[in-house]
Amino acid sequence: MFHCHSGIGPYRKAAKQQLKLLWISCGDKDNLISFSKRTHDNLSDKGVPHVYYIEPGVHDFKV
């Protein structure tokens, strides 16, 4: 399990080896977009592969 508040650093190797897909998606008008962007930036800085997708709209898209 990965906890955002503790940072991904200590878990980077496990994340790279064990995750099949890490998908982060957020609406471009969602109030939570700053958190999604920060998580994306942290993962990118640590070299953890993931998909970061910005969906048009708020927090109401279908998965």
C-alpha atoms as a PDB file:
ATOM      1  CA  MET A   1       0.000   0.000   0.000  1.00  0.00           C
ATOM      2  CA  PHE A   2       1.251   3.460  -0.875  1.00  0.00           C
ATOM      3  CA  HIS A   3       0.429   6.448   1.306  1.00  0.00           C
ATOM      4  CA  CYS A   4       0.661   9.850  -0.393  1.00  0.00           C
ATOM      5  CA  HIS A   5       1.551  11.647   2.830  1.00  0.00           C
ATOM      6  CA  SER A   6       4.664   9.505   3.361  1.00  0.00           C
ATOM      7  CA  GLY A   7       5.974  10.023  -0.174  1.00  0.00           C
ATOM      8  CA  ILE A   8       6.743   7.375  -2.750  1.00  0.00           C
ATOM      9  CA  GLY A   9      10.524   7.416  -2.214  1.00  0.00           C
ATOM     10  CA  PRO A  10      10.795   4.416   0.120  1.00  0.00           C
ATOM     11  CA  TYR A  11       8.428   2.401  -2.090  1.00  0.00           C
ATOM     12  CA  ARG A  12       9.825   3.273  -5.517  1.00  0.00           C
ATOM     13  CA  LYS A  13      11.446  -0.094  -6.214  1.00  0.00           C
ATOM     14  CA  ALA A  14       8.384  -2.062  -5.083  1.00  0.00           C
ATOM     15  CA  ALA A  15       6.112   0.192  -7.138  1.00  0.00           C
ATOM     16  CA  LYS A  16       8.158  -0.344 -10.288  1.00  0.00           C
ATOM     17  CA  GLN A  17       8.228  -4.118  -9.778  1.00  0.00           C
ATOM     18  CA  GLN A  18       4.692  -4.785  -8.580  1.00  0.00           C
ATOM     19  CA  LEU A  19       2.371  -2.269 -10.219  1.00  0.00           C
ATOM     20  CA  LYS A  20       0.837  -3.350 -13.499  1.00  0.00           C
ATOM     21  CA  LEU A  21      -0.870  -0.003 -14.025  1.00  0.00           C
ATOM     22  CA  LEU A  22      -1.071   3.145 -11.959  1.00  0.00           C
ATOM     23  CA  TRP A  23      -3.718   5.420 -13.450  1.00  0.00           C
ATOM     24  CA  ILE A  24      -4.299   8.915 -12.109  1.00  0.00           C
ATOM     25  CA  SER A  25      -7.165  10.833 -13.645  1.00  0.00           C
ATOM     26  CA  CYS A  26      -8.835  14.066 -12.660  1.00  0.00           C
ATOM     27  CA  GLY A  27     -11.275  16.525 -14.174  1.00  0.00           C
ATOM     28  CA  ASP A  28      -9.779  19.781 -15.384  1.00  0.00           C
ATOM     29  CA  LYS A  29     -12.339  21.677 -13.290  1.00  0.00           C
ATOM     30  CA  ASP A  30     -12.130  19.332 -10.284  1.00  0.00           C
ATOM     31  CA  ASN A  31     -11.179  20.968  -6.983  1.00  0.00           C
ATOM     32  CA  LEU A  32      -8.831  18.026  -6.340  1.00  0.00           C
ATOM     33  CA  ILE A  33      -6.686  18.610  -9.436  1.00  0.00           C
ATOM     34  CA  SER A  34      -3.827  20.142  -7.426  1.00  0.00           C
ATOM     35  CA  PHE A  35      -3.525  16.911  -5.419  1.00  0.00           C
ATOM     36  CA  SER A  36      -3.546  14.777  -8.560  1.00  0.00           C
ATOM     37  CA  LYS A  37      -0.898  17.006 -10.163  1.00  0.00           C
ATOM     38  CA  ARG A  38       1.288  16.869  -7.063  1.00  0.00           C
ATOM     39  CA  THR A  39       1.039  13.067  -6.987  1.00  0.00           C
ATOM     40  CA  HIS A  40       1.891  12.901 -10.699  1.00  0.00           C
ATOM     41  CA  ASP A  41       4.893  15.204 -10.222  1.00  0.00           C
ATOM     42  CA  ASN A  42       6.152  13.148  -7.261  1.00  0.00           C
ATOM     43  CA  LEU A  43       5.817   9.879  -9.182  1.00  0.00           C
ATOM     44  CA  SER A  44       7.555  11.380 -12.219  1.00  0.00           C
ATOM     45  CA  ASP A  45      10.407  12.752 -10.105  1.00  0.00           C
ATOM     46  CA  LYS A  46      10.901   9.295  -8.581  1.00  0.00           C
ATOM     47  CA  GLY A  47      10.720   7.491 -11.933  1.00  0.00           C
ATOM     48  CA  VAL A  48       7.586   5.502 -11.087  1.00  0.00           C
ATOM     49  CA  PRO A  49       5.705   4.618 -14.287  1.00  0.00           C
ATOM     50  CA  HIS A  50       2.110   5.795 -14.366  1.00  0.00           C
ATOM     51  CA  VAL A  51      -0.558   7.330 -16.565  1.00  0.00           C
ATOM     52  CA  TYR A  52      -1.743  10.839 -15.736  1.00  0.00           C
ATOM     53  CA  TYR A  53      -4.907  11.820 -17.580  1.00  0.00           C
ATOM     54  CA  ILE A  54      -6.844  15.061 -17.328  1.00  0.00           C
ATOM     55  CA  GLU A  55     -10.505  14.569 -18.208  1.00  0.00           C
ATOM     56  CA  PRO A  56     -12.715  17.516 -19.208  1.00  0.00           C
ATOM     57  CA  GLY A  57     -15.144  18.474 -16.463  1.00  0.00           C
ATOM     58  CA  VAL A  58     -15.428  18.076 -12.729  1.00  0.00           C
ATOM     59  CA  HIS A  59     -15.465  15.002 -10.491  1.00  0.00           C
ATOM     60  CA  ASP A  60     -18.267  13.285 -12.392  1.00  0.00           C
ATOM     61  CA  PHE A  61     -16.690  11.210 -15.168  1.00  0.00           C
ATOM     62  CA  LYS A  62     -17.412   7.504 -15.656  1.00  0.00           C
ATOM     63  CA  VAL A  63     -14.664   4.902 -15.344  1.00  0.00           C
END
